[in-house]
Amino acid sequence: MSQVLEQSIQINATATVVDRCITDLALMHRWLNPVLSCEPVGEVWSTDVGSKSRFIIQIPLLQPTLNSVVVERQPGLVVWEFKGFFQGRDRWECQPTQKGTLLLNRFEFDIPNPLV
């Protein structure tokens, strides 16, 4: 059974600026959970459709990894699909508002391994 976590936050910045903060690797690491790191698969980081990356949870000795691929990308929208110790999609969407941008995150996943 899929689990869904949804969050949103109003940000006092344009959707273009917010989009850059969720797709530029250096900027992403400034707000990403400190126990989570992200790296490209290959030499170049990209959020173009088909681009691959790894999200690594920094737990001593284990470091579980989610392998992801960008499956949808438009200005203000990026969707990563991932597989690993669980599988699903992580959707980030920037919605322009009068006060800036509403950033929506929808994290939908299944945990196929009953030991996790």
PDB file of N, CA and C in Angstrom:
ATOM      1  N   MET A   1       0.837  -1.179   0.000  1.00  0.00           N
ATOM      2  CA  MET A   1       0.000   0.000   0.000  1.00  0.00           C
ATOM      3  C   MET A   1       0.884   1.245   0.000  1.00  0.00           C
ATOM      4  N   SER A   2       0.593   2.185  -0.878  1.00  0.00           N
ATOM      5  CA  SER A   2       1.366   3.421  -0.965  1.00  0.00           C
ATOM      6  C   SER A   2       1.109   4.321   0.227  1.00  0.00           C
ATOM      7  N   GLN A   3       2.162   4.994   0.633  1.00  0.00           N
ATOM      8  CA  GLN A   3       2.050   6.031   1.648  1.00  0.00           C
ATOM      9  C   GLN A   3       2.310   7.364   0.963  1.00  0.00           C
ATOM     10  N   VAL A   4       1.622   8.407   1.405  1.00  0.00           N
ATOM     11  CA  VAL A   4       1.762   9.724   0.801  1.00  0.00           C
ATOM     12  C   VAL A   4       2.013  10.744   1.901  1.00  0.00           C
ATOM     13  N   LEU A   5       3.054  11.537   1.707  1.00  0.00           N
ATOM     14  CA  LEU A   5       3.343  12.662   2.589  1.00  0.00           C
ATOM     15  C   LEU A   5       3.297  13.919   1.736  1.00  0.00           C
ATOM     16  N   GLU A   6       2.516  14.906   2.179  1.00  0.00           N
ATOM     17  CA  GLU A   6       2.423  16.162   1.443  1.00  0.00           C
ATOM     18  C   GLU A   6       2.757  17.315   2.373  1.00  0.00           C
ATOM     19  N   GLN A   7       3.525  18.256   1.833  1.00  0.00           N
ATOM     20  CA  GLN A   7       3.889  19.450   2.583  1.00  0.00           C
ATOM     21  C   GLN A   7       3.821  20.638   1.637  1.00  0.00           C
ATOM     22  N   SER A   8       3.621  21.812   2.207  1.00  0.00           N
ATOM     23  CA  SER A   8       3.688  23.031   1.403  1.00  0.00           C
ATOM     24  C   SER A   8       4.219  24.159   2.273  1.00  0.00           C
ATOM     25  N   ILE A   9       4.818  25.140   1.608  1.00  0.00           N
ATOM     26  CA  ILE A   9       5.325  26.313   2.306  1.00  0.00           C
ATOM     27  C   ILE A   9       5.232  27.503   1.365  1.00  0.00           C
ATOM     28  N   GLN A  10       4.832  28.641   1.920  1.00  0.00           N
ATOM     29  CA  GLN A  10       4.801  29.887   1.162  1.00  0.00           C
ATOM     30  C   GLN A  10       6.192  30.510   1.254  1.00  0.00           C
ATOM     31  N   ILE A  11       6.774  30.867   0.116  1.00  0.00           N
ATOM     32  CA  ILE A  11       8.117  31.440   0.063  1.00  0.00           C
ATOM     33  C   ILE A  11       8.041  32.809  -0.599  1.00  0.00           C
ATOM     34  N   ASN A  12       8.690  33.786   0.017  1.00  0.00           N
ATOM     35  CA  ASN A  12       8.678  35.147  -0.498  1.00  0.00           C
ATOM     36  C   ASN A  12       9.759  35.304  -1.570  1.00  0.00           C
ATOM     37  N   ALA A  13       9.578  34.610  -2.682  1.00  0.00           N
ATOM     38  CA  ALA A  13      10.490  34.663  -3.824  1.00  0.00           C
ATOM     39  C   ALA A  13       9.719  34.198  -5.050  1.00  0.00           C
ATOM     40  N   THR A  14      10.222  34.556  -6.217  1.00  0.00           N
ATOM     41  CA  THR A  14       9.542  34.148  -7.446  1.00  0.00           C
ATOM     42  C   THR A  14       9.657  32.639  -7.654  1.00  0.00           C
ATOM     43  N   ALA A  15       8.759  32.106  -8.459  1.00  0.00           N
ATOM     44  CA  ALA A  15       8.798  30.675  -8.772  1.00  0.00           C
ATOM     45  C   ALA A  15      10.103  30.304  -9.473  1.00  0.00           C
ATOM     46  N   THR A  16      10.653  31.207 -10.264  1.00  0.00           N
ATOM     47  CA  THR A  16      11.922  30.947 -10.946  1.00  0.00           C
ATOM     48  C   THR A  16      13.056  30.767  -9.945  1.00  0.00           C
ATOM     49  N   VAL A  17      13.104  31.622  -8.929  1.00  0.00           N
ATOM     50  CA  VAL A  17      14.142  31.524  -7.896  1.00  0.00           C
ATOM     51  C   VAL A  17      13.965  30.240  -7.091  1.00  0.00           C
ATOM     52  N   VAL A  18      12.728  29.923  -6.709  1.00  0.00           N
ATOM     53  CA  VAL A  18      12.467  28.711  -5.925  1.00  0.00           C
ATOM     54  C   VAL A  18      12.813  27.474  -6.750  1.00  0.00           C
ATOM     55  N   ASP A  19      12.444  27.476  -8.027  1.00  0.00           N
ATOM     56  CA  ASP A  19      12.775  26.353  -8.906  1.00  0.00           C
ATOM     57  C   ASP A  19      14.288  26.128  -8.930  1.00  0.00           C
ATOM     58  N   ARG A  20      15.045  27.189  -9.011  1.00  0.00           N
ATOM     59  CA  ARG A  20      16.509  27.058  -9.031  1.00  0.00           C
ATOM     60  C   ARG A  20      17.018  26.441  -7.733  1.00  0.00           C
ATOM     61  N   CYS A  21      16.398  26.794  -6.615  1.00  0.00           N
ATOM     62  CA  CYS A  21      16.828  26.264  -5.314  1.00  0.00           C
ATOM     63  C   CYS A  21      16.531  24.775  -5.153  1.00  0.00           C
ATOM     64  N   ILE A  22      15.551  24.258  -5.880  1.00  0.00           N
ATOM     65  CA  ILE A  22      15.255  22.822  -5.764  1.00  0.00           C
ATOM     66  C   ILE A  22      15.903  21.998  -6.865  1.00  0.00           C
ATOM     67  N   THR A  23      16.551  22.665  -7.841  1.00  0.00           N
ATOM     68  CA  THR A  23      17.161  21.915  -8.938  1.00  0.00           C
ATOM     69  C   THR A  23      18.664  22.135  -9.075  1.00  0.00           C
ATOM     70  N   ASP A  24      19.209  23.180  -8.469  1.00  0.00           N
ATOM     71  CA  ASP A  24      20.650  23.423  -8.484  1.00  0.00           C
ATOM     72  C   ASP A  24      21.261  22.641  -7.322  1.00  0.00           C
ATOM     73  N   LEU A  25      22.181  21.738  -7.600  1.00  0.00           N
ATOM     74  CA  LEU A  25      22.698  20.822  -6.579  1.00  0.00           C
ATOM     75  C   LEU A  25      23.325  21.556  -5.399  1.00  0.00           C
ATOM     76  N   ALA A  26      24.123  22.588  -5.650  1.00  0.00           N
ATOM     77  CA  ALA A  26      24.765  23.326  -4.553  1.00  0.00           C
ATOM     78  C   ALA A  26      23.723  24.016  -3.679  1.00  0.00           C
ATOM     79  N   LEU A  27      22.715  24.620  -4.295  1.00  0.00           N
ATOM     80  CA  LEU A  27      21.655  25.273  -3.518  1.00  0.00           C
ATOM     81  C   LEU A  27      20.801  24.245  -2.792  1.00  0.00           C
ATOM     82  N   MET A  28      20.526  23.112  -3.430  1.00  0.00           N
ATOM     83  CA  MET A  28      19.720  22.064  -2.801  1.00  0.00           C
ATOM     84  C   MET A  28      20.367  21.581  -1.505  1.00  0.00           C
ATOM     85  N   HIS A  29      21.684  21.414  -1.519  1.00  0.00           N
ATOM     86  CA  HIS A  29      22.364  20.919  -0.318  1.00  0.00           C
ATOM     87  C   HIS A  29      22.308  21.917   0.836  1.00  0.00           C
ATOM     88  N   ARG A  30      21.989  23.179   0.560  1.00  0.00           N
ATOM     89  CA  ARG A  30      21.875  24.179   1.630  1.00  0.00           C
ATOM     90  C   ARG A  30      20.601  23.995   2.449  1.00  0.00           C
ATOM     91  N   TRP A  31      19.551  23.438   1.850  1.00  0.00           N
ATOM     92  CA  TRP A  31      18.290  23.267   2.592  1.00  0.00           C
ATOM     93  C   TRP A  31      17.906  21.810   2.789  1.00  0.00           C
ATOM     94  N   LEU A  32      18.562  20.892   2.099  1.00  0.00           N
ATOM     95  CA  LEU A  32      18.263  19.465   2.216  1.00  0.00           C
ATOM     96  C   LEU A  32      18.553  18.985   3.636  1.00  0.00           C
ATOM     97  N   ASN A  33      17.785  18.032   4.110  1.00  0.00           N
ATOM     98  CA  ASN A  33      18.017  17.438   5.432  1.00  0.00           C
ATOM     99  C   ASN A  33      19.494  17.058   5.542  1.00  0.00           C
ATOM    100  N   PRO A  34      20.168  17.448   6.631  1.00  0.00           N
ATOM    101  CA  PRO A  34      21.611  17.197   6.732  1.00  0.00           C
ATOM    102  C   PRO A  34      22.013  15.722   6.752  1.00  0.00           C
ATOM    103  N   VAL A  35      21.084  14.806   7.028  1.00  0.00           N
ATOM    104  CA  VAL A  35      21.437  13.380   6.978  1.00  0.00           C
ATOM    105  C   VAL A  35      21.229  12.794   5.578  1.00  0.00           C
ATOM    106  N   LEU A  36      20.821  13.640   4.643  1.00  0.00           N
ATOM    107  CA  LEU A  36      20.573  13.196   3.273  1.00  0.00           C
ATOM    108  C   LEU A  36      21.536  13.922   2.339  1.00  0.00           C
ATOM    109  N   SER A  37      22.189  13.177   1.480  1.00  0.00           N
ATOM    110  CA  SER A  37      23.017  13.811   0.454  1.00  0.00           C
ATOM    111  C   SER A  37      22.552  13.324  -0.910  1.00  0.00           C
ATOM    112  N   CYS A  38      22.889  14.094  -1.914  1.00  0.00           N
ATOM    113  CA  CYS A  38      22.474  13.768  -3.273  1.00  0.00           C
ATOM    114  C   CYS A  38      23.674  13.932  -4.185  1.00  0.00           C
ATOM    115  N   GLU A  39      23.815  13.023  -5.131  1.00  0.00           N
ATOM    116  CA  GLU A  39      24.920  13.109  -6.082  1.00  0.00           C
ATOM    117  C   GLU A  39      24.455  12.601  -7.439  1.00  0.00           C
ATOM    118  N   PRO A  40      25.049  13.125  -8.504  1.00  0.00           N
ATOM    119  CA  PRO A  40      24.669  12.653  -9.839  1.00  0.00           C
ATOM    120  C   PRO A  40      25.193  11.247 -10.093  1.00  0.00           C
ATOM    121  N   VAL A  41      24.494  10.515 -10.937  1.00  0.00           N
ATOM    122  CA  VAL A  41      25.021   9.259 -11.471  1.00  0.00           C
ATOM    123  C   VAL A  41      25.664   9.672 -12.795  1.00  0.00           C
ATOM    124  N   GLY A  42      26.966   9.560 -12.873  1.00  0.00           N
ATOM    125  CA  GLY A  42      27.710  10.114 -13.995  1.00  0.00           C
ATOM    126  C   GLY A  42      28.411  11.376 -13.527  1.00  0.00           C
ATOM    127  N   GLU A  43      28.900  12.147 -14.453  1.00  0.00           N
ATOM    128  CA  GLU A  43      29.738  13.286 -14.091  1.00  0.00           C
ATOM    129  C   GLU A  43      28.979  14.583 -13.872  1.00  0.00           C
ATOM    130  N   VAL A  44      27.801  14.729 -14.457  1.00  0.00           N
ATOM    131  CA  VAL A  44      27.117  16.021 -14.445  1.00  0.00           C
ATOM    132  C   VAL A  44      25.750  15.911 -13.786  1.00  0.00           C
ATOM    133  N   TRP A  45      25.450  16.829 -12.858  1.00  0.00           N
ATOM    134  CA  TRP A  45      24.139  16.921 -12.232  1.00  0.00           C
ATOM    135  C   TRP A  45      23.175  17.570 -13.210  1.00  0.00           C
ATOM    136  N   SER A  46      21.980  17.024 -13.324  1.00  0.00           N
ATOM    137  CA  SER A  46      20.955  17.592 -14.187  1.00  0.00           C
ATOM    138  C   SER A  46      19.582  17.201 -13.658  1.00  0.00           C
ATOM    139  N   THR A  47      18.602  18.051 -13.952  1.00  0.00           N
ATOM    140  CA  THR A  47      17.215  17.697 -13.652  1.00  0.00           C
ATOM    141  C   THR A  47      16.406  17.553 -14.942  1.00  0.00           C
ATOM    142  N   ASP A  48      17.092  17.342 -16.056  1.00  0.00           N
ATOM    143  CA  ASP A  48      16.396  17.044 -17.308  1.00  0.00           C
ATOM    144  C   ASP A  48      15.772  15.654 -17.209  1.00  0.00           C
ATOM    145  N   VAL A  49      14.667  15.440 -17.927  1.00  0.00           N
ATOM    146  CA  VAL A  49      14.020  14.125 -17.932  1.00  0.00           C
ATOM    147  C   VAL A  49      15.039  13.066 -18.343  1.00  0.00           C
ATOM    148  N   GLY A  50      15.075  11.985 -17.575  1.00  0.00           N
ATOM    149  CA  GLY A  50      16.010  10.896 -17.827  1.00  0.00           C
ATOM    150  C   GLY A  50      17.291  10.984 -17.019  1.00  0.00           C
ATOM    151  N   SER A  51      17.558  12.137 -16.402  1.00  0.00           N
ATOM    152  CA  SER A  51      18.772  12.293 -15.595  1.00  0.00           C
ATOM    153  C   SER A  51      18.687  11.433 -14.347  1.00  0.00           C
ATOM    154  N   LYS A  52      19.828  10.867 -13.965  1.00  0.00           N
ATOM    155  CA  LYS A  52      19.868   9.953 -12.822  1.00  0.00           C
ATOM    156  C   LYS A  52      20.698  10.535 -11.685  1.00  0.00           C
ATOM    157  N   SER A  53      20.282  10.192 -10.466  1.00  0.00           N
ATOM    158  CA  SER A  53      21.011  10.628  -9.277  1.00  0.00           C
ATOM    159  C   SER A  53      20.806   9.613  -8.164  1.00  0.00           C
ATOM    160  N   ARG A  54      21.578   9.814  -7.103  1.00  0.00           N
ATOM    161  CA  ARG A  54      21.468   8.978  -5.903  1.00  0.00           C
ATOM    162  C   ARG A  54      21.195   9.881  -4.712  1.00  0.00           C
ATOM    163  N   PHE A  55      20.241   9.496  -3.903  1.00  0.00           N
ATOM    164  CA  PHE A  55      20.008  10.143  -2.615  1.00  0.00           C
ATOM    165  C   PHE A  55      20.476   9.154  -1.555  1.00  0.00           C
ATOM    166  N   ILE A  56      21.404   9.588  -0.720  1.00  0.00           N
ATOM    167  CA  ILE A  56      22.041   8.703   0.255  1.00  0.00           C
ATOM    168  C   ILE A  56      21.719   9.187   1.660  1.00  0.00           C
ATOM    169  N   ILE A  57      21.199   8.290   2.489  1.00  0.00           N
ATOM    170  CA  ILE A  57      20.922   8.619   3.889  1.00  0.00           C
ATOM    171  C   ILE A  57      22.182   8.313   4.684  1.00  0.00           C
ATOM    172  N   GLN A  58      22.695   9.334   5.359  1.00  0.00           N
ATOM    173  CA  GLN A  58      23.969   9.221   6.075  1.00  0.00           C
ATOM    174  C   GLN A  58      23.770   8.596   7.454  1.00  0.00           C
ATOM    175  N   ILE A  59      23.524   7.291   7.467  1.00  0.00           N
ATOM    176  CA  ILE A  59      23.418   6.520   8.705  1.00  0.00           C
ATOM    177  C   ILE A  59      24.708   5.720   8.818  1.00  0.00           C
ATOM    178  N   PRO A  60      25.432   5.842   9.930  1.00  0.00           N
ATOM    179  CA  PRO A  60      26.703   5.123  10.051  1.00  0.00           C
ATOM    180  C   PRO A  60      26.548   3.633   9.727  1.00  0.00           C
ATOM    181  N   LEU A  61      27.485   3.140   8.957  1.00  0.00           N
ATOM    182  CA  LEU A  61      27.610   1.747   8.524  1.00  0.00           C
ATOM    183  C   LEU A  61      26.622   1.343   7.432  1.00  0.00           C
ATOM    184  N   LEU A  62      25.426   1.891   7.414  1.00  0.00           N
ATOM    185  CA  LEU A  62      24.415   1.447   6.453  1.00  0.00           C
ATOM    186  C   LEU A  62      24.406   2.269   5.167  1.00  0.00           C
ATOM    187  N   GLN A  63      24.198   3.548   5.278  1.00  0.00           N
ATOM    188  CA  GLN A  63      24.043   4.477   4.163  1.00  0.00           C
ATOM    189  C   GLN A  63      23.098   3.959   3.073  1.00  0.00           C
ATOM    190  N   PRO A  64      21.816   3.720   3.441  1.00  0.00           N
ATOM    191  CA  PRO A  64      20.857   3.284   2.420  1.00  0.00           C
ATOM    192  C   PRO A  64      20.761   4.319   1.298  1.00  0.00           C
ATOM    193  N   THR A  65      20.599   3.833   0.087  1.00  0.00           N
ATOM    194  CA  THR A  65      20.628   4.690  -1.097  1.00  0.00           C
ATOM    195  C   THR A  65      19.365   4.503  -1.925  1.00  0.00           C
ATOM    196  N   LEU A  66      18.848   5.623  -2.406  1.00  0.00           N
ATOM    197  CA  LEU A  66      17.741   5.600  -3.359  1.00  0.00           C
ATOM    198  C   LEU A  66      18.288   6.037  -4.706  1.00  0.00           C
ATOM    199  N   ASN A  67      18.138   5.207  -5.706  1.00  0.00           N
ATOM    200  CA  ASN A  67      18.516   5.572  -7.069  1.00  0.00           C
ATOM    201  C   ASN A  67      17.306   6.209  -7.722  1.00  0.00           C
ATOM    202  N   SER A  68      17.509   7.393  -8.298  1.00  0.00           N
ATOM    203  CA  SER A  68      16.363   8.113  -8.849  1.00  0.00           C
ATOM    204  C   SER A  68      16.618   8.534 -10.288  1.00  0.00           C
ATOM    205  N   VAL A  69      15.520   8.779 -10.978  1.00  0.00           N
ATOM    206  CA  VAL A  69      15.561   9.296 -12.343  1.00  0.00           C
ATOM    207  C   VAL A  69      14.480  10.371 -12.450  1.00  0.00           C
ATOM    208  N   VAL A  70      14.789  11.458 -13.141  1.00  0.00           N
ATOM    209  CA  VAL A  70      13.801  12.511 -13.362  1.00  0.00           C
ATOM    210  C   VAL A  70      12.819  12.010 -14.416  1.00  0.00           C
ATOM    211  N   VAL A  71      11.533  11.956 -14.050  1.00  0.00           N
ATOM    212  CA  VAL A  71      10.516  11.442 -14.975  1.00  0.00           C
ATOM    213  C   VAL A  71       9.602  12.535 -15.512  1.00  0.00           C
ATOM    214  N   GLU A  72       9.643  13.711 -14.881  1.00  0.00           N
ATOM    215  CA  GLU A  72       8.838  14.834 -15.367  1.00  0.00           C
ATOM    216  C   GLU A  72       9.561  16.119 -15.005  1.00  0.00           C
ATOM    217  N   ARG A  73       9.649  17.041 -15.969  1.00  0.00           N
ATOM    218  CA  ARG A  73      10.324  18.308 -15.710  1.00  0.00           C
ATOM    219  C   ARG A  73       9.718  19.391 -16.576  1.00  0.00           C
ATOM    220  N   GLN A  74       9.321  20.467 -15.921  1.00  0.00           N
ATOM    221  CA  GLN A  74       8.854  21.687 -16.565  1.00  0.00           C
ATOM    222  C   GLN A  74       9.355  22.822 -15.691  1.00  0.00           C
ATOM    223  N   PRO A  75       9.352  24.059 -16.183  1.00  0.00           N
ATOM    224  CA  PRO A  75       9.707  25.155 -15.281  1.00  0.00           C
ATOM    225  C   PRO A  75       8.786  25.128 -14.056  1.00  0.00           C
ATOM    226  N   GLY A  76       9.385  25.085 -12.879  1.00  0.00           N
ATOM    227  CA  GLY A  76       8.605  25.057 -11.642  1.00  0.00           C
ATOM    228  C   GLY A  76       8.142  23.678 -11.217  1.00  0.00           C
ATOM    229  N   LEU A  77       8.570  22.631 -11.906  1.00  0.00           N
ATOM    230  CA  LEU A  77       8.147  21.276 -11.560  1.00  0.00           C
ATOM    231  C   LEU A  77       9.271  20.288 -11.839  1.00  0.00           C
ATOM    232  N   VAL A  78       9.549  19.444 -10.855  1.00  0.00           N
ATOM    233  CA  VAL A  78      10.470  18.327 -11.067  1.00  0.00           C
ATOM    234  C   VAL A  78       9.927  17.129 -10.298  1.00  0.00           C
ATOM    235  N   VAL A  79       9.925  15.970 -10.962  1.00  0.00           N
ATOM    236  CA  VAL A  79       9.464  14.732 -10.333  1.00  0.00           C
ATOM    237  C   VAL A  79      10.570  13.694 -10.466  1.00  0.00           C
ATOM    238  N   TRP A  80      11.053  13.238  -9.298  1.00  0.00           N
ATOM    239  CA  TRP A  80      12.033  12.159  -9.256  1.00  0.00           C
ATOM    240  C   TRP A  80      11.299  10.854  -8.962  1.00  0.00           C
ATOM    241  N   GLU A  81      11.611   9.806  -9.705  1.00  0.00           N
ATOM    242  CA  GLU A  81      11.108   8.466  -9.410  1.00  0.00           C
ATOM    243  C   GLU A  81      12.296   7.675  -8.886  1.00  0.00           C
ATOM    244  N   PHE A  82      12.104   6.938  -7.811  1.00  0.00           N
ATOM    245  CA  PHE A  82      13.238   6.279  -7.183  1.00  0.00           C
ATOM    246  C   PHE A  82      12.948   4.830  -6.865  1.00  0.00           C
ATOM    247  N   LYS A  83      14.046   4.095  -6.766  1.00  0.00           N
ATOM    248  CA  LYS A  83      13.997   2.688  -6.379  1.00  0.00           C
ATOM    249  C   LYS A  83      15.167   2.443  -5.451  1.00  0.00           C
ATOM    250  N   GLY A  84      14.982   1.549  -4.520  1.00  0.00           N
ATOM    251  CA  GLY A  84      16.013   1.221  -3.537  1.00  0.00           C
ATOM    252  C   GLY A  84      15.346   0.436  -2.436  1.00  0.00           C
ATOM    253  N   PHE A  85      15.640   0.793  -1.185  1.00  0.00           N
ATOM    254  CA  PHE A  85      15.007   0.086  -0.074  1.00  0.00           C
ATOM    255  C   PHE A  85      13.526   0.418   0.013  1.00  0.00           C
ATOM    256  N   PHE A  86      13.086   1.480  -0.666  1.00  0.00           N
ATOM    257  CA  PHE A  86      11.673   1.696  -0.953  1.00  0.00           C
ATOM    258  C   PHE A  86      11.585   2.355  -2.317  1.00  0.00           C
ATOM    259  N   GLN A  87      10.371   2.440  -2.874  1.00  0.00           N
ATOM    260  CA  GLN A  87      10.213   2.973  -4.222  1.00  0.00           C
ATOM    261  C   GLN A  87       9.033   3.920  -4.284  1.00  0.00           C
ATOM    262  N   GLY A  88       9.107   4.874  -5.194  1.00  0.00           N
ATOM    263  CA  GLY A  88       8.024   5.829  -5.327  1.00  0.00           C
ATOM    264  C   GLY A  88       8.430   7.048  -6.122  1.00  0.00           C
ATOM    265  N   ARG A  89       7.762   8.169  -5.818  1.00  0.00           N
ATOM    266  CA  ARG A  89       8.005   9.436  -6.519  1.00  0.00           C
ATOM    267  C   ARG A  89       8.054  10.588  -5.524  1.00  0.00           C
ATOM    268  N   ASP A  90       8.902  11.554  -5.850  1.00  0.00           N
ATOM    269  CA  ASP A  90       9.030  12.774  -5.061  1.00  0.00           C
ATOM    270  C   ASP A  90       8.788  13.942  -6.005  1.00  0.00           C
ATOM    271  N   ARG A  91       7.673  14.648  -5.809  1.00  0.00           N
ATOM    272  CA  ARG A  91       7.237  15.715  -6.714  1.00  0.00           C
ATOM    273  C   ARG A  91       7.389  17.067  -6.024  1.00  0.00           C
ATOM    274  N   TRP A  92       8.083  17.992  -6.682  1.00  0.00           N
ATOM    275  CA  TRP A  92       8.252  19.359  -6.189  1.00  0.00           C
ATOM    276  C   TRP A  92       7.648  20.306  -7.220  1.00  0.00           C
ATOM    277  N   GLU A  93       6.690  21.128  -6.774  1.00  0.00           N
ATOM    278  CA  GLU A  93       5.989  22.020  -7.692  1.00  0.00           C
ATOM    279  C   GLU A  93       5.939  23.432  -7.124  1.00  0.00           C
ATOM    280  N   CYS A  94       6.315  24.409  -7.944  1.00  0.00           N
ATOM    281  CA  CYS A  94       6.278  25.826  -7.575  1.00  0.00           C
ATOM    282  C   CYS A  94       5.023  26.451  -8.175  1.00  0.00           C
ATOM    283  N   GLN A  95       4.161  26.989  -7.324  1.00  0.00           N
ATOM    284  CA  GLN A  95       2.953  27.663  -7.796  1.00  0.00           C
ATOM    285  C   GLN A  95       3.064  29.147  -7.465  1.00  0.00           C
ATOM    286  N   PRO A  96       3.150  30.008  -8.491  1.00  0.00           N
ATOM    287  CA  PRO A  96       3.238  31.447  -8.234  1.00  0.00           C
ATOM    288  C   PRO A  96       1.996  31.952  -7.493  1.00  0.00           C
ATOM    289  N   THR A  97       2.211  32.844  -6.533  1.00  0.00           N
ATOM    290  CA  THR A  97       1.126  33.480  -5.789  1.00  0.00           C
ATOM    291  C   THR A  97       1.396  34.980  -5.751  1.00  0.00           C
ATOM    292  N   GLN A  98       0.440  35.747  -5.226  1.00  0.00           N
ATOM    293  CA  GLN A  98       0.638  37.198  -5.104  1.00  0.00           C
ATOM    294  C   GLN A  98       1.782  37.531  -4.152  1.00  0.00           C
ATOM    295  N   LYS A  99       2.045  36.653  -3.189  1.00  0.00           N
ATOM    296  CA  LYS A  99       3.090  36.908  -2.193  1.00  0.00           C
ATOM    297  C   LYS A  99       4.403  36.211  -2.519  1.00  0.00           C
ATOM    298  N   GLY A 100       4.505  35.547  -3.667  1.00  0.00           N
ATOM    299  CA  GLY A 100       5.731  34.846  -4.026  1.00  0.00           C
ATOM    300  C   GLY A 100       5.427  33.505  -4.663  1.00  0.00           C
ATOM    301  N   THR A 101       5.750  32.433  -3.933  1.00  0.00           N
ATOM    302  CA  THR A 101       5.589  31.081  -4.474  1.00  0.00           C
ATOM    303  C   THR A 101       5.111  30.129  -3.391  1.00  0.00           C
ATOM    304  N   LEU A 102       4.140  29.309  -3.727  1.00  0.00           N
ATOM    305  CA  LEU A 102       3.749  28.205  -2.864  1.00  0.00           C
ATOM    306  C   LEU A 102       4.505  26.986  -3.374  1.00  0.00           C
ATOM    307  N   LEU A 103       5.374  26.432  -2.532  1.00  0.00           N
ATOM    308  CA  LEU A 103       6.137  25.240  -2.897  1.00  0.00           C
ATOM    309  C   LEU A 103       5.421  24.028  -2.332  1.00  0.00           C
ATOM    310  N   LEU A 104       5.027  23.117  -3.226  1.00  0.00           N
ATOM    311  CA  LEU A 104       4.317  21.901  -2.837  1.00  0.00           C
ATOM    312  C   LEU A 104       5.237  20.702  -3.018  1.00  0.00           C
ATOM    313  N   ASN A 105       5.265  19.832  -2.029  1.00  0.00           N
ATOM    314  CA  ASN A 105       6.035  18.595  -2.116  1.00  0.00           C
ATOM    315  C   ASN A 105       5.098  17.427  -1.841  1.00  0.00           C
ATOM    316  N   ARG A 106       5.101  16.460  -2.749  1.00  0.00           N
ATOM    317  CA  ARG A 106       4.309  15.235  -2.578  1.00  0.00           C
ATOM    318  C   ARG A 106       5.268  14.061  -2.706  1.00  0.00           C
ATOM    319  N   PHE A 107       5.386  13.301  -1.635  1.00  0.00           N
ATOM    320  CA  PHE A 107       6.292  12.164  -1.556  1.00  0.00           C
ATOM    321  C   PHE A 107       5.424  10.929  -1.423  1.00  0.00           C
ATOM    322  N   GLU A 108       5.361  10.122  -2.488  1.00  0.00           N
ATOM    323  CA  GLU A 108       4.516   8.926  -2.515  1.00  0.00           C
ATOM    324  C   GLU A 108       5.427   7.715  -2.646  1.00  0.00           C
ATOM    325  N   PHE A 109       5.263   6.735  -1.738  1.00  0.00           N
ATOM    326  CA  PHE A 109       6.201   5.619  -1.735  1.00  0.00           C
ATOM    327  C   PHE A 109       5.587   4.335  -1.207  1.00  0.00           C
ATOM    328  N   ASP A 110       6.224   3.226  -1.577  1.00  0.00           N
ATOM    329  CA  ASP A 110       5.924   1.883  -1.075  1.00  0.00           C
ATOM    330  C   ASP A 110       7.206   1.340  -0.468  1.00  0.00           C
ATOM    331  N   ILE A 111       7.061   0.536   0.572  1.00  0.00           N
ATOM    332  CA  ILE A 111       8.203  -0.152   1.168  1.00  0.00           C
ATOM    333  C   ILE A 111       7.996  -1.643   0.935  1.00  0.00           C
ATOM    334  N   PRO A 112       8.618  -2.191  -0.134  1.00  0.00           N
ATOM    335  CA  PRO A 112       8.384  -3.594  -0.465  1.00  0.00           C
ATOM    336  C   PRO A 112       9.063  -4.571   0.490  1.00  0.00           C
ATOM    337  N   ASN A 113      10.104  -4.130   1.180  1.00  0.00           N
ATOM    338  CA  ASN A 113      10.843  -5.000   2.092  1.00  0.00           C
ATOM    339  C   ASN A 113      10.240  -4.893   3.490  1.00  0.00           C
ATOM    340  N   PRO A 114       9.640  -5.956   4.020  1.00  0.00           N
ATOM    341  CA  PRO A 114       8.994  -5.887   5.337  1.00  0.00           C
ATOM    342  C   PRO A 114       9.983  -5.665   6.483  1.00  0.00           C
ATOM    343  N   LEU A 115      11.278  -5.815   6.228  1.00  0.00           N
ATOM    344  CA  LEU A 115      12.275  -5.609   7.278  1.00  0.00           C
ATOM    345  C   LEU A 115      12.657  -4.146   7.458  1.00  0.00           C
ATOM    346  N   VAL A 116      12.255  -3.289   6.506  1.00  0.00           N
ATOM    347  CA  VAL A 116      12.603  -1.867   6.593  1.00  0.00           C
ATOM    348  C   VAL A 116      11.586  -1.151   7.446  1.00  0.00           C
TER     349      VAL A 116
END
